[in-house]
Protein backbone atom coordinates (compact mmCIF):
# COMPACT_ATOMS: atom_id res chain seq x y z
CA MET A 1 -6.35 30.65 -32.97
CA PRO A 2 -3.63 31.71 -30.46
CA ASN A 3 -4.92 29.09 -28.03
CA PHE A 4 -4.72 26.39 -30.71
CA THR A 5 -1.15 27.42 -31.56
CA PHE A 6 -0.19 27.35 -27.88
CA LYS A 7 -1.61 23.85 -27.44
CA ALA A 8 -0.06 22.57 -30.64
CA ALA A 9 3.38 23.85 -29.69
CA HIS A 10 3.16 22.23 -26.29
CA ALA A 11 1.88 19.00 -27.81
CA CYS A 12 4.85 18.76 -30.16
CA ALA A 13 7.38 19.48 -27.43
CA ALA A 14 5.76 17.12 -24.97
CA SER A 15 5.36 14.28 -27.45
CA LEU A 16 9.06 14.42 -28.25
CA ALA A 17 10.06 14.64 -24.60
CA LEU A 18 7.82 11.77 -23.58
CA PHE A 19 9.00 9.62 -26.47
CA LEU A 20 12.61 10.13 -25.40
CA LEU A 21 11.78 9.43 -21.78
CA SER A 22 9.64 6.35 -22.19
CA GLY A 23 10.70 4.73 -25.43
CA CYS A 24 8.28 3.40 -27.99
CA HIS A 25 5.80 1.67 -25.71
CA SER A 26 2.44 0.52 -27.01
CA SER A 27 -0.09 -2.15 -26.23
CA HIS A 28 -3.01 -3.78 -27.99
CA SER A 29 -4.12 -5.81 -24.97
CA SER A 30 -7.70 -5.47 -23.75
CA GLN A 31 -6.20 -4.21 -20.48
CA PHE A 32 -5.38 -1.00 -22.29
CA SER A 33 -8.78 -0.28 -23.83
CA ALA A 34 -11.62 1.40 -21.97
CA SER A 35 -14.66 -0.49 -20.70
CA ALA A 36 -17.91 0.13 -22.54
CA GLN A 37 -19.81 0.69 -19.30
CA ALA A 38 -19.21 3.86 -17.30
CA PHE A 39 -17.99 3.68 -13.72
CA PRO A 40 -20.78 4.32 -11.18
CA VAL A 41 -20.70 7.88 -9.82
CA GLY A 42 -22.93 9.98 -7.59
CA VAL A 43 -24.39 6.89 -5.93
CA GLN A 44 -25.97 7.06 -2.50
CA PRO A 45 -26.24 5.84 0.18
CA PHE A 46 -22.75 4.43 0.68
CA ASP A 47 -23.97 0.80 0.89
CA ASN A 48 -25.50 1.12 -2.57
CA TYR A 49 -22.25 2.66 -3.80
CA LEU A 50 -20.28 -0.32 -2.50
CA ASN A 51 -22.63 -2.75 -4.22
CA GLU A 52 -22.47 -0.93 -7.57
CA VAL A 53 -18.68 -0.60 -7.50
CA GLU A 54 -18.25 -4.27 -6.64
CA SER A 55 -20.50 -5.30 -9.52
CA TYR A 56 -18.56 -3.04 -11.85
CA LEU A 57 -15.19 -4.47 -10.80
CA GLN A 58 -16.43 -8.04 -11.02
CA GLU A 59 -17.44 -7.42 -14.63
CA HIS A 60 -14.68 -5.11 -15.86
CA ARG A 61 -11.49 -5.76 -13.89
CA ALA A 62 -8.61 -7.28 -15.85
CA PHE A 63 -7.39 -9.72 -13.23
CA ILE A 64 -3.64 -10.29 -12.97
CA SER A 65 -3.75 -13.39 -10.76
CA ASN A 66 -5.95 -16.38 -10.01
CA ASN A 67 -7.04 -14.83 -6.72
CA LYS A 68 -9.90 -12.70 -8.02
CA THR A 69 -11.48 -12.32 -4.58
CA GLN A 70 -8.32 -10.76 -3.17
CA GLU A 71 -7.93 -8.39 -6.10
CA ILE A 72 -11.52 -7.17 -5.75
CA PHE A 73 -11.01 -6.71 -2.00
CA MET A 74 -7.85 -4.68 -2.48
CA ASN A 75 -9.44 -2.29 -4.98
CA MET A 76 -12.83 -1.84 -3.33
CA PRO A 77 -13.78 1.31 -1.46
CA PHE A 78 -14.45 0.48 2.18
CA GLU A 79 -15.30 1.83 5.58
CA CYS A 80 -14.64 0.70 9.14
CA GLY A 81 -15.70 1.90 12.57
CA THR A 82 -19.26 2.36 11.34
CA GLN A 83 -20.53 2.16 14.92
CA TYR A 84 -18.87 5.50 15.67
CA ARG A 85 -20.42 8.87 14.79
CA ASP A 86 -18.34 11.37 16.78
CA ILE A 87 -15.34 11.54 14.41
CA GLY A 88 -15.26 10.58 10.74
CA VAL A 89 -12.37 10.63 8.28
CA LEU A 90 -12.87 10.46 4.49
CA LEU A 91 -9.74 9.51 2.54
CA VAL A 92 -9.12 9.74 -1.24
CA HIS A 93 -6.36 7.77 -2.99
CA GLY A 94 -3.84 8.87 -5.61
CA LEU A 95 -3.29 8.53 -9.34
CA GLY A 96 -3.33 4.87 -10.40
CA ASP A 97 -3.76 3.69 -6.81
CA SER A 98 -6.63 2.16 -4.84
CA PRO A 99 -8.34 2.36 -1.43
CA TYR A 100 -6.01 -0.44 -0.30
CA PHE A 101 -3.42 2.28 0.28
CA PHE A 102 -5.43 3.33 3.36
CA ARG A 103 -6.01 -0.11 4.90
CA ASP A 104 -3.33 0.21 7.57
CA VAL A 105 -4.13 3.80 8.52
CA ALA A 106 -7.88 3.17 8.52
CA ASN A 107 -7.67 0.05 10.68
CA ALA A 108 -5.48 1.86 13.20
CA MET A 109 -7.90 4.78 13.50
CA CYS A 110 -11.02 2.61 13.55
CA ASN A 111 -9.54 0.61 16.44
CA GLU A 112 -9.48 3.87 18.40
CA GLY A 113 -13.11 4.81 17.84
CA ILE A 114 -12.99 6.71 14.53
CA HIS A 115 -15.24 6.06 11.54
CA VAL A 116 -13.08 5.93 8.39
CA ARG A 117 -14.40 5.82 4.84
CA THR A 118 -12.57 5.56 1.51
CA ILE A 119 -13.70 5.90 -2.09
CA LEU A 120 -12.53 4.63 -5.49
CA LEU A 121 -11.98 7.32 -8.10
CA PRO A 122 -13.40 6.68 -11.60
CA GLY A 123 -10.95 4.89 -13.90
CA HIS A 124 -9.28 3.00 -11.07
CA GLY A 125 -9.45 -0.56 -9.77
CA SER A 126 -10.53 -2.20 -13.02
CA LYS A 127 -7.86 -1.92 -15.74
CA PRO A 128 -5.44 0.75 -16.97
CA GLY A 129 -7.53 1.30 -20.11
CA ASP A 130 -10.30 2.82 -18.01
CA MET A 131 -8.00 5.77 -17.35
CA LEU A 132 -8.44 6.81 -20.98
CA ASN A 133 -11.81 8.40 -20.19
CA VAL A 134 -11.11 10.16 -16.89
CA THR A 135 -11.12 13.90 -16.26
CA TYR A 136 -10.16 16.09 -13.34
CA GLN A 137 -13.71 17.42 -13.06
CA GLN A 138 -15.08 13.88 -12.82
CA TRP A 139 -12.73 13.11 -9.91
CA GLN A 140 -13.48 16.41 -8.16
CA THR A 141 -17.24 15.99 -8.50
CA GLU A 142 -17.09 12.47 -7.09
CA THR A 143 -14.85 13.58 -4.20
CA ASN A 144 -17.20 16.45 -3.35
CA HIS A 145 -20.20 14.10 -3.52
CA HIS A 146 -18.74 11.72 -0.95
CA ILE A 147 -17.58 14.53 1.34
CA ARG A 148 -21.10 15.91 1.40
CA LEU A 149 -22.60 12.44 1.88
CA PHE A 150 -20.31 11.53 4.78
CA SER A 151 -20.79 14.90 6.47
CA LYS A 152 -24.40 13.92 7.16
CA GLU A 153 -23.33 10.75 8.99
CA VAL A 154 -20.67 12.01 11.42
CA ASP A 155 -20.49 14.90 13.87
CA ASN A 156 -16.86 15.93 13.29
CA LEU A 157 -15.62 15.42 9.74
CA TYR A 158 -11.98 15.26 8.66
CA ILE A 159 -10.97 14.75 5.05
CA GLY A 160 -7.69 14.06 3.28
CA GLY A 161 -5.83 11.88 0.92
CA PHE A 162 -2.71 10.46 -0.62
CA SER A 163 -0.96 12.28 -3.47
CA THR A 164 -3.64 13.39 -5.98
CA GLY A 165 -6.29 12.64 -3.34
CA ALA A 166 -4.73 15.33 -1.16
CA ASN A 167 -5.16 17.81 -4.01
CA LEU A 168 -8.82 16.92 -4.52
CA THR A 169 -9.73 17.19 -0.85
CA THR A 170 -7.82 20.46 -0.39
CA ILE A 171 -9.62 21.96 -3.38
CA ALA A 172 -12.93 20.81 -1.91
CA SER A 173 -12.05 22.50 1.39
CA PHE A 174 -11.91 25.94 -0.16
CA SER A 175 -15.62 25.80 -1.02
CA MET A 176 -16.98 23.30 1.52
CA ALA A 177 -15.02 23.68 4.77
CA GLU A 178 -17.19 26.37 6.30
CA GLU A 179 -20.50 25.05 4.97
CA LEU A 180 -19.88 21.51 6.23
CA ASP A 181 -17.79 22.50 9.27
CA ILE A 182 -14.84 20.36 8.17
CA LYS A 183 -12.50 19.98 11.14
CA GLY A 184 -9.20 19.36 9.36
CA LEU A 185 -7.11 17.82 6.60
CA MET A 186 -4.95 14.66 6.74
CA HIS A 187 -2.49 14.45 3.86
CA PHE A 188 0.03 11.76 2.94
CA SER A 189 2.61 12.71 0.28
CA PRO A 190 0.44 15.56 -1.04
CA ALA A 191 1.04 16.16 -4.75
CA PHE A 192 0.56 19.93 -4.77
CA LYS A 193 3.40 20.35 -7.28
CA SER A 194 5.09 17.81 -9.55
CA ARG A 195 8.86 17.52 -9.89
CA PHE A 196 8.46 16.80 -13.62
CA PHE A 197 8.04 19.60 -16.15
CA VAL A 198 6.61 17.13 -18.67
CA SER A 199 3.56 16.47 -16.46
CA ARG A 200 2.57 20.13 -16.84
CA LEU A 201 2.07 19.52 -20.55
CA ALA A 202 -0.14 16.45 -20.11
CA PRO A 203 -3.49 18.31 -20.41
CA TYR A 204 -2.48 19.47 -23.90
CA ILE A 205 -1.51 16.08 -25.35
CA ASP A 206 -3.70 13.49 -23.67
CA SER A 207 -5.46 12.64 -26.95
CA LEU A 208 -2.25 12.66 -29.02
CA PHE A 209 -0.10 10.51 -26.80
CA PRO A 210 -2.40 8.25 -24.74
CA TRP A 211 0.22 5.86 -23.33
CA PRO A 212 3.46 7.42 -22.07
CA ASN A 213 4.34 4.16 -20.34
CA VAL A 214 3.08 0.60 -20.64
CA GLU A 215 4.41 -1.78 -18.01
CA GLU A 216 3.74 -5.32 -16.91
CA GLU A 217 0.79 -5.31 -14.52
CA ASP A 218 1.95 -7.32 -11.49
CA ASN A 219 0.64 -5.23 -8.58
CA PRO A 220 -2.87 -6.12 -7.36
CA SER A 221 -3.28 -2.80 -5.51
CA ARG A 222 -2.46 -0.27 -8.24
CA TYR A 223 -1.72 0.22 -11.93
CA ASN A 224 1.87 0.15 -13.16
CA SER A 225 0.75 1.76 -16.44
CA THR A 226 -1.08 5.08 -16.52
CA ALA A 227 -2.82 6.62 -19.52
CA MET A 228 -2.07 10.23 -20.38
CA PRO A 229 -5.63 11.40 -19.49
CA GLY A 230 -4.86 10.25 -15.94
CA PHE A 231 -1.72 12.39 -15.85
CA ALA A 232 -3.71 15.24 -17.38
CA ALA A 233 -6.41 14.96 -14.70
CA TYR A 234 -3.74 15.02 -12.01
CA GLN A 235 -2.09 18.09 -13.55
CA GLU A 236 -5.45 19.86 -13.76
CA SER A 237 -5.83 19.29 -10.01
CA VAL A 238 -2.42 20.92 -9.52
CA ASN A 239 -3.41 23.87 -11.70
CA VAL A 240 -6.71 24.41 -9.88
CA LEU A 241 -5.09 24.13 -6.46
CA GLN A 242 -2.25 26.53 -7.30
CA ASP A 243 -4.80 29.03 -8.62
CA LEU A 244 -6.67 28.74 -5.33
CA PHE A 245 -3.43 29.30 -3.41
CA THR A 246 -2.79 32.50 -5.40
CA ARG A 247 -5.07 35.51 -5.68
CA SER A 248 -5.51 37.34 -8.96
CA ASP A 249 -3.09 40.00 -7.70
CA LYS A 250 -0.49 37.26 -7.06
CA GLU A 251 -0.79 37.54 -3.30
CA GLU A 252 -0.97 34.30 -1.36
CA ARG A 253 -4.39 32.93 -0.48
CA THR A 254 -4.69 30.98 2.76
CA LEU A 255 -6.79 28.15 4.12
CA ASN A 256 -7.55 28.53 7.82
CA LEU A 257 -8.08 24.84 8.49
CA PRO A 258 -6.11 22.44 10.73
CA VAL A 259 -3.80 20.20 8.74
CA LEU A 260 -1.44 17.28 9.27
CA MET A 261 0.94 16.36 6.45
CA VAL A 262 3.37 13.47 6.10
CA VAL A 263 6.04 14.25 3.50
CA ALA A 264 9.04 12.23 2.27
CA GLU A 265 11.85 14.73 1.66
CA LYS A 266 13.43 12.71 -1.19
CA ASP A 267 10.07 11.99 -2.83
CA SER A 268 10.88 11.68 -6.53
CA VAL A 269 7.32 12.44 -7.64
CA VAL A 270 6.42 15.75 -6.02
CA ASP A 271 8.32 18.96 -5.24
CA THR A 272 8.62 18.65 -1.48
CA ALA A 273 10.31 22.03 -1.04
CA ILE A 274 7.24 23.74 -2.54
CA ILE A 275 4.93 21.62 -0.39
CA ALA A 276 6.80 22.68 2.77
CA GLU A 277 6.56 26.33 1.71
CA GLN A 278 2.83 26.03 1.09
CA PHE A 279 2.34 24.23 4.40
CA ARG A 280 4.05 27.22 6.05
CA ASP A 281 2.37 30.02 4.10
CA ASN A 282 -1.01 28.82 2.84
CA PHE A 283 -2.27 26.83 5.83
CA THR A 284 -2.64 29.42 8.58
CA HIS A 285 -4.48 27.57 11.35
CA PRO A 286 -2.22 27.12 14.41
CA HIS A 287 -3.27 23.46 14.80
CA LYS A 288 -1.01 22.01 12.13
CA CYS A 289 1.92 19.63 11.87
CA LEU A 290 4.41 18.50 9.22
CA LEU A 291 5.94 15.04 9.67
CA TRP A 292 9.07 15.47 7.56
CA GLN A 293 10.82 12.22 6.68
CA GLY A 294 14.33 13.24 5.73
CA GLN A 295 17.54 14.94 6.79
CA ASP A 296 17.35 18.62 5.81
CA GLU A 297 15.01 20.63 8.01
CA PRO A 298 12.44 22.62 6.02
CA ASP A 299 11.78 26.28 6.73
CA VAL A 300 8.60 25.97 8.81
CA PRO A 301 7.76 27.16 12.35
CA GLU A 302 9.51 25.00 14.93
CA ASN A 303 6.34 24.05 16.79
CA THR A 304 4.78 22.66 13.59
CA LEU A 305 7.52 20.20 12.63
CA ILE A 306 8.49 16.64 13.51
CA MET A 307 11.75 15.49 11.92
CA GLN A 308 12.07 11.77 11.17
CA THR A 309 15.42 10.64 9.82
CA MET A 310 15.22 8.14 6.99
CA THR A 311 18.83 7.04 7.05
CA ILE A 312 18.27 3.73 8.85
CA PRO A 313 21.14 1.32 7.99
CA GLU A 314 19.84 -1.48 10.20
CA GLN A 315 16.76 -1.68 7.95
CA ARG A 316 18.76 -0.90 4.76
CA ILE A 317 16.73 2.28 4.29
CA SER A 318 18.33 5.32 2.66
CA ALA A 319 15.28 7.55 2.12
CA ALA A 320 11.48 7.53 2.21
CA SER A 321 9.49 7.17 -1.00
CA HIS A 322 6.27 8.76 -2.24
CA MET A 323 4.23 5.68 -1.31
CA SER A 324 6.02 4.56 1.85
CA THR A 325 4.33 7.07 4.15
CA LEU A 326 1.11 5.05 4.28
CA PHE A 327 2.05 1.46 5.05
CA SER A 328 2.91 -0.43 8.20
CA ASP A 329 5.89 -2.78 8.21
CA LYS A 330 3.31 -5.50 8.89
CA ASN A 331 1.34 -4.87 5.69
CA PRO A 332 0.94 -8.24 3.89
CA LEU A 333 1.87 -6.82 0.47
CA TYR A 334 4.23 -3.96 1.25
CA GLY A 335 5.64 -4.86 4.67
CA THR A 336 8.91 -6.50 5.66
CA ALA A 337 7.57 -10.08 5.60
CA SER A 338 6.39 -9.81 1.97
CA ASP A 339 8.51 -11.04 -0.93
CA PHE A 340 6.91 -8.47 -3.26
CA ARG A 341 9.48 -5.99 -4.53
CA ILE A 342 9.20 -2.96 -6.76
CA CYS A 343 12.47 -3.31 -8.66
CA ASP A 344 11.55 -0.95 -11.51
CA ASN A 345 13.10 1.90 -9.58
CA GLY A 346 14.89 4.08 -12.11
CA GLN A 347 18.29 2.46 -11.61
CA GLY A 348 19.09 0.76 -14.92
CA SER A 349 18.41 -2.70 -16.29
CA ASP A 350 21.37 -4.42 -14.62
CA ALA A 351 20.44 -3.28 -11.11
CA GLU A 352 16.78 -4.03 -11.78
CA ALA A 353 17.68 -7.58 -12.86
CA ARG A 354 19.77 -8.06 -9.72
CA CYS A 355 16.87 -6.88 -7.61
CA LYS A 356 14.45 -9.27 -9.33
CA ALA A 357 16.93 -12.13 -8.90
CA GLY A 358 16.63 -11.77 -5.13
CA GLU A 359 19.92 -10.03 -4.38
CA GLU A 360 20.05 -8.09 -1.11
CA VAL A 361 18.69 -4.61 -1.72
CA TRP A 362 18.49 -1.26 -0.03
CA TYR A 363 15.31 0.79 -0.04
CA GLY A 364 14.47 4.30 -1.17
CA PRO A 365 12.40 6.36 -3.62
CA TRP A 366 12.40 5.98 -7.39
CA GLY A 367 15.75 6.98 -8.89
CA PHE A 368 17.59 7.27 -5.58
CA LYS A 369 21.38 7.12 -5.89
CA PRO A 370 23.45 7.82 -2.76
CA GLY A 371 26.33 9.09 -4.87
CA ASN A 372 24.18 11.98 -6.09
CA ALA A 373 23.78 13.37 -2.60
CA GLU A 374 26.79 12.13 -0.66
CA GLU A 375 30.54 12.24 -1.24
CA ASN A 376 33.30 9.84 -0.32
CA LEU A 377 31.06 6.78 -0.34
CA ALA A 378 32.63 3.37 -0.16
CA ASN A 379 32.42 1.29 -3.35
CA SER A 380 29.97 -1.06 -1.64
CA GLU A 381 27.61 1.86 -1.01
CA GLN A 382 27.90 3.15 -4.56
CA ASP A 383 27.10 -0.34 -5.87
CA ARG A 384 23.93 -0.77 -3.87
CA VAL A 385 20.87 -2.10 -5.64
CA TYR A 386 17.67 -0.30 -4.67
CA ALA A 387 14.05 -1.39 -4.48
CA ARG A 388 11.23 1.00 -3.66
CA LEU A 389 10.66 1.59 0.04
CA THR A 390 7.07 0.47 0.57
CA TYR A 391 6.50 0.94 4.30
CA ASN A 392 6.84 3.62 6.93
CA PRO A 393 9.29 2.76 9.76
CA TYR A 394 7.54 5.45 11.84
CA PHE A 395 4.04 4.17 11.14
CA ASP A 396 2.97 3.77 14.79
CA ARG A 397 4.24 7.25 15.67
CA MET A 398 2.39 8.67 12.69
CA VAL A 399 -0.83 7.02 13.86
CA ASP A 400 -0.32 8.53 17.31
CA GLN A 401 -0.12 11.96 15.71
CA LEU A 402 -3.23 11.30 13.60
CA LEU A 403 -5.12 10.40 16.76
CA ALA A 404 -3.81 13.46 18.60
CA PHE A 405 -4.82 15.60 15.62
CA THR A 406 -8.43 14.47 15.94
CA GLY A 407 -8.48 14.68 19.74
CA LYS A 408 -8.11 10.93 20.25
CA ALA A 409 -4.75 11.67 21.87
CA LYS A 410 -2.20 8.93 22.46
CA VAL A 411 0.72 11.30 22.89
CA LYS A 412 1.18 14.05 25.47
CA ALA A 413 1.09 16.87 22.96
CA PHE A 414 0.23 17.20 19.29
CA CYS A 415 3.21 17.74 16.97
CA LYS A 416 5.82 16.99 19.61
CA THR A 417 8.48 14.29 19.39
CA TYR A 418 8.63 11.66 22.11
C-alpha cells in the first residue's frame, strides 16, 4: 500500500508537470501505435541478426520520405572492418536514435584497422509507437547479448555508446568487464544523470501519460517523438547505474576500466557537472581522458583533460550540443553542406519560424540563449536565432584520441593537446 501511494503521488505530480511543459499533444496516427510483431532480440550470429532486423524494418517502419532504401540504411545496425580481429569496438546508440549516429566514428576507426559493430535497440528504427512496449531490462539484455557475442570474434574488445547507450554499456561493464576482458569504454555525451527532474518520475507514469510530446517526424535518423516508456527505460538505466556507483553504505564504488568520454559542457539534456565528477571519482584506471567541449574547466586531474572551446564565431557556433559530439562536418545529413536544420530548439515560435525560413542562424544546444550566460551583449547577439549544432568541429582530433586510446596511435601521447 505505501508503494502504491508513493507511485500515485508521483504520477499526479508528473502528469501535471508534463502537461504544462508539453501542452495537450496527442496523435491517432498509425506511427504512434505499436507494431503487432515483436522486434527480433537475442539473435545470433550477427549476419542473421542483420537479416532479421532488416526484414522487420521493411515491414514495420513508418517511412517519412519516398527514399525507403535510405531510411532503412540509416536505421540498420551495421559493422565495418570485419577483416580485422585484433581490436573490436561495440557501440550502442541513445534514446530515440539509431546506429546512423555512429557512421562517421565507425568509418574513421575502420579505416585504421579496427572492427566496429553497432546494434539497434528494441523500439527504435521503425516508428515512435514501437517505443510504447520497451523496457530498460529489454535494452540491457540485448546490449549484454551483443557484447558477449562480439567478444568471441575479436581479441581486444572495447565497448561504449552515445547517451543512453553509454549507460547500458557502463552497467554491463560492472558484471562483464573481468569475465570478457573488456579493454575500455568509449562514451559520447554519456547520460549518467538527467538535467530534468521530470524524467525521474517517468517510470511511475509511463502507462498513464504515454505521449509527453508528439512532433512532426522529419528526421530519417531518429524519432522526434518519444513515448513515455522510452523515457522510463532511460531513467531506469540512470537509476541502476547510480546504484552501481554507490555502495549500500553510501561510499563511492569505482570501475577500474580505461575510459574516454566526450562531453558538451552546455549539454541541455544531461547534468555534465555530475558526469565530470563521476569521471573523476568512479573511473579509477589511470588510462582515461575527458574531452570537454566548453569554457569552464571541470574539476578533474590535469593529465586526464582536453579542453576544446566551443565559442567559434567564424562557424557561428556558441556551444556544443548533446548530439554534436558524434558527427563530422562532412556528414551528409548533419554536416555543414546539408540544408537540414533542427529549428525546434527551445527558443520560441518566432525564432523557430525564422530558422525554418532560412534566416542565418547560430548553432548551439537546445534552449541556448547567450544572454543567460553572458552580460553586456550587443543587441545583434541577443537577437540571434539558433539551430541545433549537429556536428563536432573537433571531429578529426577526437578520432585521433579514439585511436590513441585503443593503441592505434595517431598522436604523440594519449590525452594531450596538440
